[in-house]
Amino acid sequence: MQAVAAWLDKWFGFYSRGSSVKKEVIGGATTFLTMAYIIFVNPSILSEAGMDYGAVFVATCLAAAIGCFVMGFWANYPVALAPGMGLNAFFTYSVVGGMGYDWQTALGAVFFSGITFFILSVFRVREWIIQSIPMTLRRAIAAGIGAFLALIGLKNANIVVANDATIVTLGHLGDPSVILAAFGFFTIIGLAARGVQGAALMSILAITLIAWVLGYVDFTGIASMPPSLAPTFMQMNIEAAFDLGMLSVIFAFLFVDLFDTSGTLLAVAQKAGLAKRDGSLPRLERALMADSTATVAGSMMGTSTTTSYVESAAGVASGGKTGLAAVVVGVLFLLAMFFSPLAGMIPPYATAGAIIYVAVLMLFTLQDVDWNDITEAAPVMVVLLMTPLTFSIADGIALGFISYVVIKLLAGKTKELTVSVVLLALLFISKFIWLG
């Protein structure tokens, strides 16, 4: 064991960071438990776009494993990756359900966003883009996605249902799906408040077990060989993704992933003690390319955008300080492929609580908004409300940029506008005029 540990240390250098093989394994396992809910939630969401549940289940695990391996072996960061929440909902409910594209075209858009992200990372354009976008809009976008996820979670739980007179209304609270979903959400919050790792995963499995006992779901088994990837493998429609109407979709995939990944890397790297004294991060380009590589690979296999998970901070707190922790997460995602029968048993209301829980976490960004400045607060409100009400992250982002520029101009605060923000606002206005 000492020889193996010495060999691993030459690659990852965990001893110099005050870690060990045991600590890295524990850290990786902790991170996996906190994010493993995506194994069940992602196929549940993407299958509503018409994609094969089993194939998406496998694609989710493979895309996550690839991202973790690249992040661990090449960038040497204790950051895990998997298909991102919010972007999978945008894929299904906005691009496919709202805009009318098929899932193959949506995968093509994911593919192009990943390629673009990779190019931006190679030529280090990322820093310029991030620095030119106001922090207010970044926070608003995260909160808007949170509100979007909350609405989807409430819909899947039948807590919020359609109504011709009022658009939406409260569902029947005595419905078993509503009760179980609410119980799942409360369970996650209770466990998370107590510092229990893997609260979301525990809740999903517990609600599924209760549903099975009550006869609401059929037992189909726990483990088996992984389902076939053939229904979604290499099915992305690259030619259709060139449609002008897909530009805003590609931009939304890219934009959200860009800020999500950058923010996560900064937060986790600082917690792991990887940041330099000036705040810069070593091997940052490699870490960003791990994200984009996983997105491209995921689109080829059949899943939405893959991104870095802030849940990796839980693994760092448990001892993981190097890429070995990320590699451990990748191995666990590969092992998870053999539990497809269990994934197939999980009803939508079992994952609804986890979706709403993630929404709560994303809404935390609102605490940093300057609510005393009306020119900052108003654009945040636009994104926060219009993202769920239009059922589109792309439209929410676009309206946020437009409102930010218009409000700053009318308020005489032109010095707070950057060239890139103005250009993006004009681009979005053109999109609405010519493409609707």
Protein backbone atom coordinates (compact mmCIF):
# COMPACT_ATOMS: atom_id res chain seq x y z
CA MET A 1 0.00 0.00 0.00
CA GLN A 2 2.85 2.38 0.78
CA ALA A 3 4.29 1.87 -2.70
CA VAL A 4 0.90 2.62 -4.28
CA ALA A 5 0.48 5.68 -2.07
CA ALA A 6 3.95 6.93 -3.05
CA TRP A 7 3.16 6.46 -6.75
CA LEU A 8 -0.13 8.31 -6.42
CA ASP A 9 1.56 11.11 -4.50
CA LYS A 10 3.99 11.65 -7.39
CA TRP A 11 0.99 12.31 -9.64
CA PHE A 12 -1.32 14.21 -7.31
CA GLY A 13 1.02 15.57 -4.63
CA PHE A 14 -1.48 15.15 -1.79
CA TYR A 15 1.18 14.80 0.94
CA SER A 16 2.45 18.31 0.23
CA ARG A 17 -1.11 19.57 0.70
CA GLY A 18 -1.53 17.87 4.05
CA SER A 19 -3.68 15.08 2.70
CA SER A 20 -3.39 11.32 2.19
CA VAL A 21 -4.91 8.52 0.13
CA LYS A 22 -7.45 7.83 2.89
CA LYS A 23 -8.47 11.49 3.13
CA GLU A 24 -8.78 11.78 -0.65
CA VAL A 25 -10.99 8.68 -0.86
CA ILE A 26 -13.20 9.94 1.98
CA GLY A 27 -13.37 13.38 0.35
CA GLY A 28 -14.31 11.89 -3.02
CA ALA A 29 -16.96 9.62 -1.49
CA THR A 30 -18.44 12.59 0.39
CA THR A 31 -18.65 14.67 -2.78
CA PHE A 32 -20.32 11.79 -4.62
CA LEU A 33 -22.96 11.37 -1.93
CA THR A 34 -23.85 15.07 -2.03
CA MET A 35 -24.32 15.12 -5.82
CA ALA A 36 -25.45 11.56 -6.60
CA TYR A 37 -29.05 12.76 -6.83
CA ILE A 38 -28.25 13.90 -10.38
CA ILE A 39 -28.07 10.23 -11.42
CA PHE A 40 -31.81 9.99 -10.86
CA VAL A 41 -32.93 13.56 -11.50
CA ASN A 42 -31.22 14.07 -14.88
CA PRO A 43 -32.80 11.05 -16.65
CA SER A 44 -36.15 11.98 -15.11
CA ILE A 45 -35.99 15.49 -16.61
CA LEU A 46 -34.47 14.63 -20.01
CA SER A 47 -36.83 11.69 -20.57
CA GLU A 48 -39.65 14.25 -20.68
CA ALA A 49 -37.98 15.58 -23.84
CA GLY A 50 -38.54 12.19 -25.44
CA MET A 51 -35.11 10.72 -24.68
CA ASP A 52 -34.66 7.12 -23.60
CA TYR A 53 -34.49 7.01 -19.78
CA GLY A 54 -31.97 4.17 -19.57
CA ALA A 55 -29.65 5.66 -22.17
CA VAL A 56 -29.70 9.06 -20.44
CA PHE A 57 -28.98 7.33 -17.13
CA VAL A 58 -25.83 5.78 -18.60
CA ALA A 59 -24.87 8.97 -20.43
CA THR A 60 -25.19 10.93 -17.17
CA CYS A 61 -22.82 8.58 -15.37
CA LEU A 62 -20.32 8.45 -18.25
CA ALA A 63 -20.25 12.21 -18.81
CA ALA A 64 -19.73 12.76 -15.09
CA ALA A 65 -16.96 10.16 -14.96
CA ILE A 66 -15.14 11.62 -17.97
CA GLY A 67 -15.32 15.12 -16.50
CA CYS A 68 -14.08 13.93 -13.11
CA PHE A 69 -11.19 11.97 -14.63
CA VAL A 70 -10.02 14.89 -16.77
CA MET A 71 -10.38 17.29 -13.84
CA GLY A 72 -8.53 14.93 -11.52
CA PHE A 73 -5.72 13.55 -13.66
CA TRP A 74 -5.03 16.62 -15.81
CA ALA A 75 -6.04 19.70 -13.79
CA ASN A 76 -5.45 18.05 -10.38
CA TYR A 77 -8.43 19.81 -8.79
CA PRO A 78 -10.75 18.15 -6.20
CA VAL A 79 -13.75 19.27 -8.24
CA ALA A 80 -16.39 16.83 -9.49
CA LEU A 81 -18.51 17.32 -12.60
CA ALA A 82 -21.88 16.06 -13.82
CA PRO A 83 -24.78 17.28 -15.99
CA GLY A 84 -25.90 20.57 -14.47
CA MET A 85 -29.22 21.29 -12.83
CA GLY A 86 -31.06 24.13 -14.51
CA LEU A 87 -29.47 23.51 -17.87
CA ASN A 88 -31.13 20.08 -18.09
CA ALA A 89 -34.47 21.75 -17.30
CA PHE A 90 -33.78 24.43 -19.92
CA PHE A 91 -32.98 21.64 -22.41
CA THR A 92 -36.29 19.84 -21.82
CA TYR A 93 -38.86 22.48 -20.95
CA SER A 94 -37.62 25.46 -22.98
CA VAL A 95 -35.68 24.23 -26.01
CA VAL A 96 -37.71 21.08 -26.68
CA GLY A 97 -41.02 21.78 -24.97
CA GLY A 98 -41.25 25.54 -25.48
CA MET A 99 -39.37 26.25 -28.72
CA GLY A 100 -40.43 23.03 -30.43
CA TYR A 101 -36.99 21.66 -31.35
CA ASP A 102 -36.38 17.93 -31.08
CA TRP A 103 -33.92 16.62 -28.50
CA GLN A 104 -31.38 15.75 -31.20
CA THR A 105 -31.15 19.43 -32.20
CA ALA A 106 -30.90 20.43 -28.54
CA LEU A 107 -27.96 18.04 -28.15
CA GLY A 108 -26.38 19.74 -31.17
CA ALA A 109 -26.65 23.07 -29.35
CA VAL A 110 -25.01 21.54 -26.27
CA PHE A 111 -22.22 20.21 -28.49
CA PHE A 112 -21.54 23.65 -30.02
CA SER A 113 -21.62 25.36 -26.62
CA GLY A 114 -19.02 22.88 -25.37
CA ILE A 115 -16.77 23.45 -28.38
CA THR A 116 -17.08 27.22 -27.94
CA PHE A 117 -16.30 26.96 -24.22
CA PHE A 118 -13.20 24.90 -25.06
CA ILE A 119 -11.96 27.50 -27.55
CA LEU A 120 -12.56 30.33 -25.07
CA SER A 121 -10.58 28.41 -22.46
CA VAL A 122 -7.66 27.72 -24.79
CA PHE A 123 -7.33 31.37 -25.85
CA ARG A 124 -8.04 32.66 -22.32
CA VAL A 125 -10.97 34.80 -23.42
CA ARG A 126 -12.96 33.62 -20.42
CA GLU A 127 -11.40 36.14 -18.03
CA TRP A 128 -12.35 39.08 -20.26
CA ILE A 129 -15.93 37.88 -20.62
CA ILE A 130 -16.45 37.33 -16.90
CA GLN A 131 -14.88 40.62 -15.86
CA SER A 132 -16.99 42.57 -18.36
CA ILE A 133 -20.32 41.23 -17.08
CA PRO A 134 -21.68 43.03 -13.98
CA MET A 135 -21.83 40.95 -10.83
CA THR A 136 -25.49 41.93 -10.46
CA LEU A 137 -26.42 40.11 -13.66
CA ARG A 138 -24.40 37.05 -12.67
CA ARG A 139 -26.26 36.82 -9.36
CA ALA A 140 -29.57 37.46 -11.08
CA ILE A 141 -29.01 34.64 -13.57
CA ALA A 142 -28.22 32.14 -10.79
CA ALA A 143 -31.31 33.22 -8.85
CA GLY A 144 -33.47 33.12 -11.99
CA ILE A 145 -32.41 29.54 -12.67
CA GLY A 146 -33.22 28.76 -9.05
CA ALA A 147 -36.74 30.14 -9.46
CA PHE A 148 -37.06 28.16 -12.72
CA LEU A 149 -36.07 24.94 -10.94
CA ALA A 150 -38.47 25.67 -8.09
CA LEU A 151 -41.37 25.95 -10.52
CA ILE A 152 -40.38 22.67 -12.21
CA GLY A 153 -40.06 20.89 -8.89
CA LEU A 154 -43.46 22.15 -7.75
CA LYS A 155 -44.95 21.08 -11.11
CA ASN A 156 -43.45 17.57 -10.90
CA ALA A 157 -44.85 17.24 -7.39
CA ASN A 158 -48.32 18.40 -8.56
CA ILE A 159 -48.17 21.10 -5.90
CA VAL A 160 -48.62 23.67 -8.68
CA VAL A 161 -50.93 22.73 -11.55
CA ALA A 162 -52.23 24.43 -14.69
CA ASN A 163 -55.41 26.50 -14.58
CA ASP A 164 -57.15 28.15 -17.54
CA ALA A 165 -58.39 31.11 -15.50
CA THR A 166 -55.29 31.88 -13.39
CA ILE A 167 -52.57 30.15 -15.48
CA VAL A 168 -51.38 28.20 -12.41
CA THR A 169 -53.00 27.26 -9.12
CA LEU A 170 -52.45 25.12 -6.04
CA GLY A 171 -52.88 21.40 -6.59
CA HIS A 172 -54.79 18.99 -4.39
CA LEU A 173 -52.75 18.86 -1.18
CA GLY A 174 -54.27 15.52 -0.26
CA ASP A 175 -52.80 13.84 -3.35
CA PRO A 176 -50.22 11.19 -2.35
CA SER A 177 -47.65 12.60 -4.79
CA VAL A 178 -47.95 16.04 -3.19
CA ILE A 179 -47.60 14.64 0.33
CA LEU A 180 -44.60 12.49 -0.55
CA ALA A 181 -42.86 15.28 -2.47
CA ALA A 182 -43.36 17.73 0.40
CA PHE A 183 -42.11 15.16 2.89
CA GLY A 184 -39.05 14.57 0.69
CA PHE A 185 -38.25 18.27 0.56
CA PHE A 186 -38.65 18.73 4.33
CA THR A 187 -36.49 15.67 4.92
CA ILE A 188 -33.67 17.10 2.80
CA ILE A 189 -33.79 20.45 4.59
CA GLY A 190 -33.83 18.76 7.99
CA LEU A 191 -30.88 16.50 7.18
CA ALA A 192 -28.92 19.30 5.50
CA ALA A 193 -29.45 21.56 8.53
CA ARG A 194 -27.94 18.81 10.67
CA GLY A 195 -24.91 18.59 8.37
CA VAL A 196 -25.78 15.14 6.99
CA GLN A 197 -23.95 14.45 3.73
CA GLY A 198 -26.02 13.01 0.90
CA ALA A 199 -29.30 14.41 2.22
CA ALA A 200 -30.86 14.72 -1.25
CA LEU A 201 -29.90 11.16 -2.23
CA MET A 202 -31.26 9.77 1.04
CA SER A 203 -34.55 11.59 0.55
CA ILE A 204 -34.99 10.34 -3.03
CA LEU A 205 -34.38 6.73 -2.00
CA ALA A 206 -36.60 7.04 1.09
CA ILE A 207 -39.55 8.47 -0.84
CA THR A 208 -39.17 5.75 -3.50
CA LEU A 209 -39.15 3.08 -0.78
CA ILE A 210 -42.30 4.54 0.81
CA ALA A 211 -44.00 4.71 -2.59
CA TRP A 212 -43.13 1.06 -3.22
CA VAL A 213 -44.46 -0.03 0.18
CA LEU A 214 -47.70 1.85 -0.48
CA GLY A 215 -48.00 0.25 -3.93
CA TYR A 216 -47.50 3.41 -5.99
CA VAL A 217 -44.45 2.02 -7.84
CA ASP A 218 -43.52 -1.48 -8.94
CA PHE A 219 -40.30 -3.13 -7.79
CA THR A 220 -38.07 -3.74 -10.81
CA GLY A 221 -34.83 -4.67 -9.04
CA ILE A 222 -31.79 -2.91 -7.66
CA ALA A 223 -28.83 -3.76 -9.88
CA SER A 224 -28.18 -5.11 -13.37
CA MET A 225 -25.94 -4.57 -16.34
CA PRO A 226 -26.10 -0.96 -17.63
CA PRO A 227 -28.82 -0.19 -20.22
CA SER A 228 -27.86 0.36 -23.84
CA LEU A 229 -26.50 3.78 -24.79
CA ALA A 230 -27.53 3.27 -28.42
CA PRO A 231 -30.81 5.28 -28.33
CA THR A 232 -28.93 8.53 -27.63
CA PHE A 233 -25.31 7.83 -28.65
CA MET A 234 -24.12 10.23 -31.41
CA GLN A 235 -27.70 11.33 -32.05
CA MET A 236 -27.05 15.09 -31.86
CA ASN A 237 -28.22 16.99 -34.95
CA ILE A 238 -25.35 19.37 -35.68
CA GLU A 239 -26.81 20.69 -38.94
CA ALA A 240 -30.13 21.70 -37.34
CA ALA A 241 -28.27 23.43 -34.51
CA PHE A 242 -26.99 25.97 -37.08
CA ASP A 243 -30.50 27.46 -37.22
CA LEU A 244 -30.46 31.18 -36.33
CA GLY A 245 -33.08 30.60 -33.67
CA MET A 246 -30.62 28.32 -31.86
CA LEU A 247 -28.06 31.10 -31.32
CA SER A 248 -29.72 32.28 -28.12
CA VAL A 249 -29.98 28.66 -26.96
CA ILE A 250 -26.28 27.99 -27.55
CA PHE A 251 -25.46 31.27 -25.85
CA ALA A 252 -27.58 30.36 -22.82
CA PHE A 253 -25.91 26.95 -22.48
CA LEU A 254 -22.48 28.57 -22.79
CA PHE A 255 -23.17 31.59 -20.63
CA VAL A 256 -24.64 29.73 -17.67
CA ASP A 257 -21.94 27.05 -17.78
CA LEU A 258 -19.22 29.70 -18.01
CA PHE A 259 -20.20 31.50 -14.83
CA ASP A 260 -21.30 28.38 -12.98
CA THR A 261 -17.96 26.68 -13.59
CA SER A 262 -15.85 29.74 -12.86
CA GLY A 263 -17.65 30.47 -9.61
CA THR A 264 -17.46 26.85 -8.49
CA LEU A 265 -13.76 26.51 -9.30
CA LEU A 266 -12.93 29.69 -7.41
CA ALA A 267 -14.95 28.71 -4.34
CA VAL A 268 -13.71 25.12 -4.11
CA ALA A 269 -10.08 25.98 -4.95
CA GLN A 270 -9.97 28.61 -2.23
CA LYS A 271 -11.45 26.19 0.29
CA ALA A 272 -8.82 23.60 -0.71
CA GLY A 273 -6.02 26.15 -0.38
CA LEU A 274 -5.10 26.01 -4.08
CA ALA A 275 -5.40 29.75 -4.83
CA LYS A 276 -2.20 31.79 -4.98
CA ARG A 277 -1.64 34.90 -2.87
CA ASP A 278 -2.90 37.16 -5.65
CA GLY A 279 -6.10 35.10 -5.87
CA SER A 280 -5.23 33.45 -9.19
CA LEU A 281 -5.68 29.73 -9.69
CA PRO A 282 -2.97 27.42 -11.06
CA ARG A 283 -3.86 25.26 -14.07
CA LEU A 284 -7.16 27.13 -14.43
CA GLU A 285 -7.25 26.63 -18.21
CA ARG A 286 -6.97 22.86 -17.70
CA ALA A 287 -9.85 22.90 -15.22
CA LEU A 288 -12.03 24.86 -17.63
CA MET A 289 -11.14 22.53 -20.49
CA ALA A 290 -12.16 19.57 -18.32
CA ASP A 291 -15.61 21.11 -18.08
CA SER A 292 -15.92 21.79 -21.81
CA THR A 293 -14.50 18.37 -22.74
CA ALA A 294 -17.10 16.66 -20.57
CA THR A 295 -19.86 18.77 -22.14
CA VAL A 296 -18.81 17.78 -25.66
CA ALA A 297 -18.50 14.11 -24.68
CA GLY A 298 -21.84 14.24 -22.86
CA SER A 299 -23.63 15.68 -25.91
CA MET A 300 -22.26 12.82 -27.99
CA MET A 301 -23.51 10.23 -25.52
CA GLY A 302 -26.87 11.86 -24.86
CA THR A 303 -27.03 14.33 -22.00
CA SER A 304 -27.25 18.07 -21.44
CA THR A 305 -24.39 20.38 -20.41
CA THR A 306 -21.88 18.99 -17.91
CA THR A 307 -20.58 21.45 -15.34
CA SER A 308 -18.55 21.66 -12.12
CA TYR A 309 -20.47 21.00 -8.90
CA VAL A 310 -20.16 23.29 -5.90
CA GLU A 311 -20.98 20.23 -3.78
CA SER A 312 -17.29 19.42 -4.23
CA ALA A 313 -16.69 21.79 -1.32
CA ALA A 314 -18.18 19.14 0.97
CA GLY A 315 -15.50 16.70 -0.18
CA VAL A 316 -12.78 19.28 0.42
CA ALA A 317 -14.09 19.85 3.93
CA SER A 318 -13.85 16.08 4.47
CA GLY A 319 -10.19 15.98 3.47
CA GLY A 320 -9.98 15.88 -0.32
CA LYS A 321 -7.42 18.42 -1.53
CA THR A 322 -6.23 17.05 -4.89
CA GLY A 323 -7.46 15.56 -8.13
CA LEU A 324 -7.46 12.11 -6.57
CA ALA A 325 -10.74 13.01 -4.86
CA ALA A 326 -12.26 13.85 -8.26
CA VAL A 327 -11.00 10.53 -9.66
CA VAL A 328 -12.71 8.69 -6.80
CA VAL A 329 -15.98 10.45 -7.69
CA GLY A 330 -15.52 9.39 -11.33
CA VAL A 331 -15.06 5.74 -10.32
CA LEU A 332 -18.21 5.87 -8.18
CA PHE A 333 -20.19 7.29 -11.11
CA LEU A 334 -19.06 4.35 -13.25
CA LEU A 335 -20.16 1.90 -10.54
CA ALA A 336 -23.52 3.70 -10.35
CA MET A 337 -24.30 2.58 -13.92
CA PHE A 338 -25.09 -0.88 -12.56
CA PHE A 339 -28.05 0.43 -10.52
CA SER A 340 -30.33 1.29 -13.45
CA PRO A 341 -33.31 -0.79 -12.20
CA LEU A 342 -33.35 1.31 -9.04
CA ALA A 343 -33.20 4.50 -11.11
CA GLY A 344 -36.14 3.31 -13.20
CA MET A 345 -38.31 2.87 -10.10
CA ILE A 346 -37.96 6.46 -8.92
CA PRO A 347 -41.13 8.52 -9.60
CA PRO A 348 -40.99 12.25 -10.48
CA TYR A 349 -42.35 13.33 -7.10
CA ALA A 350 -39.43 11.56 -5.39
CA THR A 351 -36.95 13.83 -7.15
CA ALA A 352 -39.11 16.96 -6.84
CA GLY A 353 -37.85 17.67 -3.34
CA ALA A 354 -34.23 17.54 -4.51
CA ILE A 355 -34.99 19.92 -7.39
CA ILE A 356 -36.62 22.44 -5.05
CA TYR A 357 -33.71 22.05 -2.61
CA VAL A 358 -31.22 22.97 -5.35
CA ALA A 359 -33.44 25.96 -6.14
CA VAL A 360 -33.10 27.13 -2.54
CA LEU A 361 -29.31 26.95 -2.78
CA MET A 362 -29.27 28.97 -6.01
CA LEU A 363 -31.53 31.67 -4.56
CA PHE A 364 -28.85 32.37 -1.94
CA THR A 365 -27.16 34.71 -4.43
CA LEU A 366 -29.92 37.25 -3.82
CA GLN A 367 -28.41 38.10 -0.44
CA ASP A 368 -25.50 39.86 -2.15
CA VAL A 369 -27.63 42.12 -4.37
CA ASP A 370 -27.57 45.83 -3.53
CA TRP A 371 -31.29 46.25 -2.89
CA ASN A 372 -30.78 49.88 -1.92
CA ASP A 373 -29.83 50.72 -5.52
CA ILE A 374 -32.99 50.53 -7.62
CA THR A 375 -30.95 50.36 -10.83
CA GLU A 376 -29.37 47.15 -9.52
CA ALA A 377 -32.47 45.66 -7.93
CA ALA A 378 -34.83 46.13 -10.91
CA PRO A 379 -32.81 44.05 -13.45
CA VAL A 380 -32.50 41.29 -10.83
CA MET A 381 -36.27 41.29 -10.44
CA VAL A 382 -36.70 41.05 -14.21
CA VAL A 383 -34.47 37.97 -14.47
CA LEU A 384 -35.87 36.41 -11.29
CA LEU A 385 -39.48 36.63 -12.49
CA MET A 386 -39.16 36.32 -16.26
CA THR A 387 -37.01 33.18 -16.22
CA PRO A 388 -39.70 30.98 -14.64
CA LEU A 389 -42.68 32.87 -16.12
CA THR A 390 -41.37 32.56 -19.70
CA PHE A 391 -40.17 29.02 -18.86
CA SER A 392 -36.88 29.92 -20.53
CA ILE A 393 -33.43 30.60 -19.11
CA ALA A 394 -32.41 32.12 -22.46
CA ASP A 395 -35.26 34.65 -22.43
CA GLY A 396 -34.66 35.43 -18.77
CA ILE A 397 -31.00 36.21 -19.46
CA ALA A 398 -31.84 38.28 -22.55
CA LEU A 399 -34.48 40.38 -20.78
CA GLY A 400 -32.09 40.88 -17.88
CA PHE A 401 -29.36 42.31 -20.11
CA ILE A 402 -31.80 44.55 -21.97
CA SER A 403 -33.38 45.91 -18.78
CA TYR A 404 -29.97 46.48 -17.17
CA VAL A 405 -28.74 48.60 -20.09
CA VAL A 406 -32.00 50.56 -20.50
CA ILE A 407 -32.28 51.29 -16.76
CA LYS A 408 -28.66 52.39 -16.43
CA LEU A 409 -29.02 54.69 -19.47
CA LEU A 410 -32.22 56.31 -18.22
CA ALA A 411 -30.73 56.74 -14.74
CA GLY A 412 -27.65 58.49 -16.17
CA LYS A 413 -25.27 55.77 -14.98
CA THR A 414 -23.62 55.10 -18.31
CA LYS A 415 -20.20 54.70 -16.66
CA GLU A 416 -21.42 51.44 -15.13
CA LEU A 417 -22.05 49.96 -18.57
CA THR A 418 -19.42 47.98 -20.44
CA VAL A 419 -19.15 47.66 -24.18
CA SER A 420 -19.79 43.93 -24.06
CA VAL A 421 -22.99 44.32 -22.01
CA VAL A 422 -24.36 46.95 -24.43
CA LEU A 423 -23.49 44.82 -27.44
CA LEU A 424 -25.15 41.76 -25.91
CA ALA A 425 -28.28 43.79 -25.10
CA LEU A 426 -28.46 45.01 -28.71
CA LEU A 427 -27.97 41.46 -29.92
CA PHE A 428 -30.84 40.25 -27.74
CA ILE A 429 -33.10 43.08 -28.91
CA SER A 430 -32.36 42.12 -32.53
CA LYS A 431 -33.13 38.52 -31.72
CA PHE A 432 -36.55 39.39 -30.27
CA ILE A 433 -37.39 41.67 -33.24
CA TRP A 434 -36.33 39.33 -36.03
CA LEU A 435 -36.74 35.88 -34.52
CA GLY A 436 -39.38 36.48 -31.86
